[in-house]
Amino acid sequence: MPPVQLDKRDLTKAELKKFGNSLWPAKPEEDPTELKELLDCCFYHYGEDDDHDEADADEQWKNFSAYTRKVGGFAWLNALHAFDGDKVLDTPLTYVLSHDPDECGFVSFLLQMGADANVRNSSGQPPLFLFLNAGIAKRYRTFSLLMESGANDKAVYGGMTMVQFAKEVKENDRVGKMVWEDFQQKYPEQLGTKRQRDF
């Protein structure tokens, strides 16, 4: 059987408007296998052209366009998918942050396409927590992208806000320390030595 011919033209303005309106309500893919494979390669390879070696932004956009056109919109972008069986359901963003936290370029791409920086996975973990919990693999640029996209640093998980969690992990790596320093600048009064326990 011949491979399915994918329409890899760039999304038109009319399609972007139509698909943008389909972002909510979020709807997971019944079988997220194909989407998981695309996320694992950051949309650089898709279909019959999957033998490219170079990471090409144009190819990434064309593959994203082809997949979005195939599934009929962006409803998958903020939905919880069973990428790893039934263990934890993830949005594409929480999946990438859990599995490849140094991929700041792809995180940026997902956020630009409409990924919500506050939608949690099925365990209740917000994207910012997944970033902070990633260990030495994380990049400061990813933190900046999440914050620029409206990530809630006062979101609570495990009884702590993201600011409090950042304080807990600040000594783990260089990026963790940079994040904590950013929060100290953002909340100088609340994180001053006298009132730090109250935040």
Protein backbone atom coordinates (compact mmCIF):
# COMPACT_ATOMS: atom_id res chain seq x y z
CA MET A 1 0.00 0.00 0.00
CA PRO A 2 1.52 3.41 -0.95
CA PRO A 3 2.26 5.87 1.84
CA VAL A 4 -0.32 8.52 2.60
CA GLN A 5 0.45 11.74 0.74
CA LEU A 6 0.75 14.53 3.28
CA ASP A 7 -0.16 18.10 2.43
CA LYS A 8 2.96 19.91 3.60
CA ARG A 9 2.09 23.36 2.34
CA ASP A 10 2.30 26.08 4.97
CA LEU A 11 -0.98 26.76 6.76
CA THR A 12 -2.86 29.60 5.11
CA LYS A 13 -4.10 32.63 7.07
CA ALA A 14 -7.65 31.29 6.76
CA GLU A 15 -6.57 27.90 8.15
CA LEU A 16 -4.70 29.52 11.04
CA LYS A 17 -7.78 31.52 11.94
CA LYS A 18 -10.05 28.48 11.69
CA PHE A 19 -7.65 26.20 13.57
CA GLY A 20 -6.97 28.89 16.17
CA ASN A 21 -10.67 28.83 16.99
CA SER A 22 -10.42 25.06 17.49
CA LEU A 23 -7.84 25.33 20.30
CA TRP A 24 -10.54 24.96 22.96
CA PRO A 25 -12.12 22.75 24.01
CA ALA A 26 -9.00 20.62 24.07
CA LYS A 27 -9.47 17.16 22.62
CA PRO A 28 -6.93 14.33 22.96
CA GLU A 29 -6.02 12.11 20.05
CA GLU A 30 -7.62 8.65 20.33
CA ASP A 31 -4.30 7.09 19.36
CA PRO A 32 -1.48 9.50 20.25
CA THR A 33 1.29 7.30 18.78
CA GLU A 34 1.86 9.48 15.73
CA LEU A 35 1.78 12.69 17.77
CA LYS A 36 4.25 11.22 20.28
CA GLU A 37 6.66 10.35 17.46
CA LEU A 38 6.38 13.90 16.11
CA LEU A 39 7.01 15.38 19.56
CA ASP A 40 10.01 13.10 20.07
CA CYS A 41 11.61 14.51 16.91
CA CYS A 42 10.31 18.07 17.47
CA PHE A 43 8.26 17.85 14.25
CA TYR A 44 11.45 17.79 12.16
CA HIS A 45 10.53 14.50 10.46
CA TYR A 46 7.14 13.34 9.25
CA GLY A 47 5.87 10.77 6.81
CA GLU A 48 7.88 9.83 3.76
CA ASP A 49 10.44 12.60 4.31
CA ASP A 50 11.61 11.22 7.65
CA ASP A 51 15.17 10.54 6.50
CA HIS A 52 16.41 14.15 6.79
CA ASP A 53 19.40 14.55 9.05
CA GLU A 54 19.42 18.30 9.48
CA ALA A 55 17.06 20.09 11.81
CA ASP A 56 15.30 22.59 9.56
CA ALA A 57 12.84 25.17 10.90
CA ASP A 58 10.99 25.28 7.58
CA GLU A 59 10.59 21.51 7.65
CA GLN A 60 9.39 21.70 11.26
CA TRP A 61 6.70 24.22 10.30
CA LYS A 62 5.64 22.21 7.24
CA ASN A 63 5.33 19.04 9.33
CA PHE A 64 3.35 20.88 11.99
CA SER A 65 1.12 22.25 9.23
CA ALA A 66 0.62 18.79 7.73
CA TYR A 67 -0.27 17.20 11.06
CA THR A 68 -2.61 20.05 12.06
CA ARG A 69 -4.32 19.88 8.67
CA LYS A 70 -4.63 16.09 8.94
CA VAL A 71 -6.31 16.17 12.38
CA GLY A 72 -8.38 19.23 11.56
CA GLY A 73 -7.15 21.81 14.05
CA PHE A 74 -5.29 22.64 17.24
CA ALA A 75 -7.57 20.88 19.74
CA TRP A 76 -4.75 18.40 20.49
CA LEU A 77 -2.31 21.13 21.55
CA ASN A 78 -3.58 21.56 25.15
CA ALA A 79 -5.26 18.19 25.60
CA LEU A 80 -4.03 15.42 27.91
CA HIS A 81 -2.76 12.45 25.89
CA ALA A 82 -1.77 8.94 26.96
CA PHE A 83 1.73 9.15 25.46
CA ASP A 84 3.19 6.71 27.99
CA GLY A 85 0.26 4.35 28.36
CA ASP A 86 -1.91 5.11 31.34
CA LYS A 87 0.86 6.26 33.71
CA VAL A 88 0.56 10.02 33.35
CA LEU A 89 -1.46 11.93 30.78
CA ASP A 90 0.49 14.83 29.29
CA THR A 91 -0.11 17.81 27.09
CA PRO A 92 2.49 18.10 24.32
CA LEU A 93 4.20 20.83 26.40
CA THR A 94 4.31 18.84 29.66
CA TYR A 95 5.50 15.80 27.69
CA VAL A 96 8.41 17.72 26.16
CA LEU A 97 9.33 19.30 29.52
CA SER A 98 9.28 15.85 31.15
CA HIS A 99 11.28 14.07 28.47
CA ASP A 100 13.57 16.67 26.87
CA PRO A 101 13.76 19.79 29.09
CA ASP A 102 16.75 21.25 27.26
CA GLU A 103 14.76 21.54 24.02
CA CYS A 104 14.02 25.24 24.50
CA GLY A 105 13.58 25.82 20.76
CA PHE A 106 10.75 23.33 20.58
CA VAL A 107 9.19 24.62 23.80
CA SER A 108 9.20 28.05 22.15
CA PHE A 109 7.58 26.59 19.03
CA LEU A 110 4.78 24.93 21.01
CA LEU A 111 4.11 28.09 23.02
CA GLN A 112 3.98 30.17 19.85
CA MET A 113 1.47 27.74 18.36
CA GLY A 114 -0.83 28.15 21.37
CA ALA A 115 0.34 25.70 24.03
CA ASP A 116 -0.87 26.94 27.42
CA ALA A 117 1.97 27.43 29.92
CA ASN A 118 -0.35 26.59 32.84
CA VAL A 119 -2.16 23.40 31.77
CA ARG A 120 -1.04 20.64 34.15
CA ASN A 121 -0.48 16.97 33.44
CA SER A 122 -2.82 14.38 34.97
CA SER A 123 -0.66 14.26 38.11
CA GLY A 124 -1.39 17.94 38.67
CA GLN A 125 2.15 19.07 37.83
CA PRO A 126 2.27 22.45 36.06
CA PRO A 127 4.80 23.03 33.27
CA LEU A 128 6.90 25.30 35.50
CA PHE A 129 7.22 22.53 38.09
CA LEU A 130 8.33 20.04 35.44
CA PHE A 131 10.96 22.51 34.32
CA LEU A 132 12.22 23.18 37.85
CA ASN A 133 12.29 19.46 38.61
CA ALA A 134 14.26 18.57 35.47
CA GLY A 135 17.71 18.62 37.04
CA ILE A 136 20.82 19.74 35.18
CA ALA A 137 19.32 19.14 31.71
CA LYS A 138 17.18 22.29 31.85
CA ARG A 139 18.03 25.61 30.22
CA TYR A 140 17.40 29.08 31.57
CA ARG A 141 15.88 30.12 28.23
CA THR A 142 13.07 27.59 28.75
CA PHE A 143 12.22 29.23 32.07
CA SER A 144 12.14 32.65 30.38
CA LEU A 145 9.85 31.33 27.64
CA LEU A 146 7.42 29.84 30.16
CA MET A 147 7.33 33.05 32.20
CA GLU A 148 6.90 35.22 29.08
CA SER A 149 3.97 32.97 28.13
CA GLY A 150 2.22 33.57 31.43
CA ALA A 151 3.30 30.60 33.54
CA ASN A 152 1.91 31.07 37.05
CA ASP A 153 4.82 31.12 39.48
CA LYS A 154 2.36 31.06 42.39
CA ALA A 155 0.70 27.84 41.20
CA VAL A 156 0.71 25.25 43.99
CA TYR A 157 1.86 21.67 43.63
CA GLY A 158 2.81 19.37 46.50
CA GLY A 159 1.94 22.08 49.01
CA MET A 160 4.43 24.59 47.58
CA THR A 161 4.22 27.44 45.10
CA MET A 162 6.65 27.37 42.20
CA VAL A 163 8.59 30.15 43.89
CA GLN A 164 8.93 28.05 47.05
CA PHE A 165 9.93 25.02 45.00
CA ALA A 166 12.55 27.11 43.19
CA LYS A 167 14.05 27.95 46.58
CA GLU A 168 14.20 24.22 47.40
CA VAL A 169 16.09 23.32 44.21
CA LYS A 170 18.26 26.45 43.85
CA GLU A 171 21.41 24.67 44.97
CA ASN A 172 20.94 21.70 42.63
CA ASP A 173 22.35 23.36 39.51
CA ARG A 174 23.37 26.66 37.96
CA VAL A 175 20.03 27.22 36.20
CA GLY A 176 18.10 26.57 39.42
CA LYS A 177 20.18 29.26 41.11
CA MET A 178 19.49 31.71 38.26
CA VAL A 179 15.74 31.05 38.50
CA TRP A 180 15.79 31.67 42.25
CA GLU A 181 17.70 34.93 41.73
CA ASP A 182 15.04 36.01 39.20
CA PHE A 183 12.29 35.34 41.72
CA GLN A 184 14.19 37.32 44.36
CA GLN A 185 14.29 40.28 41.96
CA LYS A 186 10.62 39.87 41.05
CA TYR A 187 9.45 39.65 44.68
CA PRO A 188 12.06 41.62 46.66
CA GLU A 189 9.77 42.45 49.57
CA GLN A 190 8.22 39.00 49.92
CA LEU A 191 11.54 37.17 49.56
CA GLY A 192 13.59 39.49 51.74
CA THR A 193 15.23 37.88 54.75
CA LYS A 194 12.57 39.10 57.16
CA ARG A 195 9.48 37.86 55.30
CA GLN A 196 10.81 34.97 53.23
CA ARG A 197 8.98 32.33 55.28
CA ASP A 198 5.62 33.98 54.61
CA PHE A 199 5.77 33.71 50.82
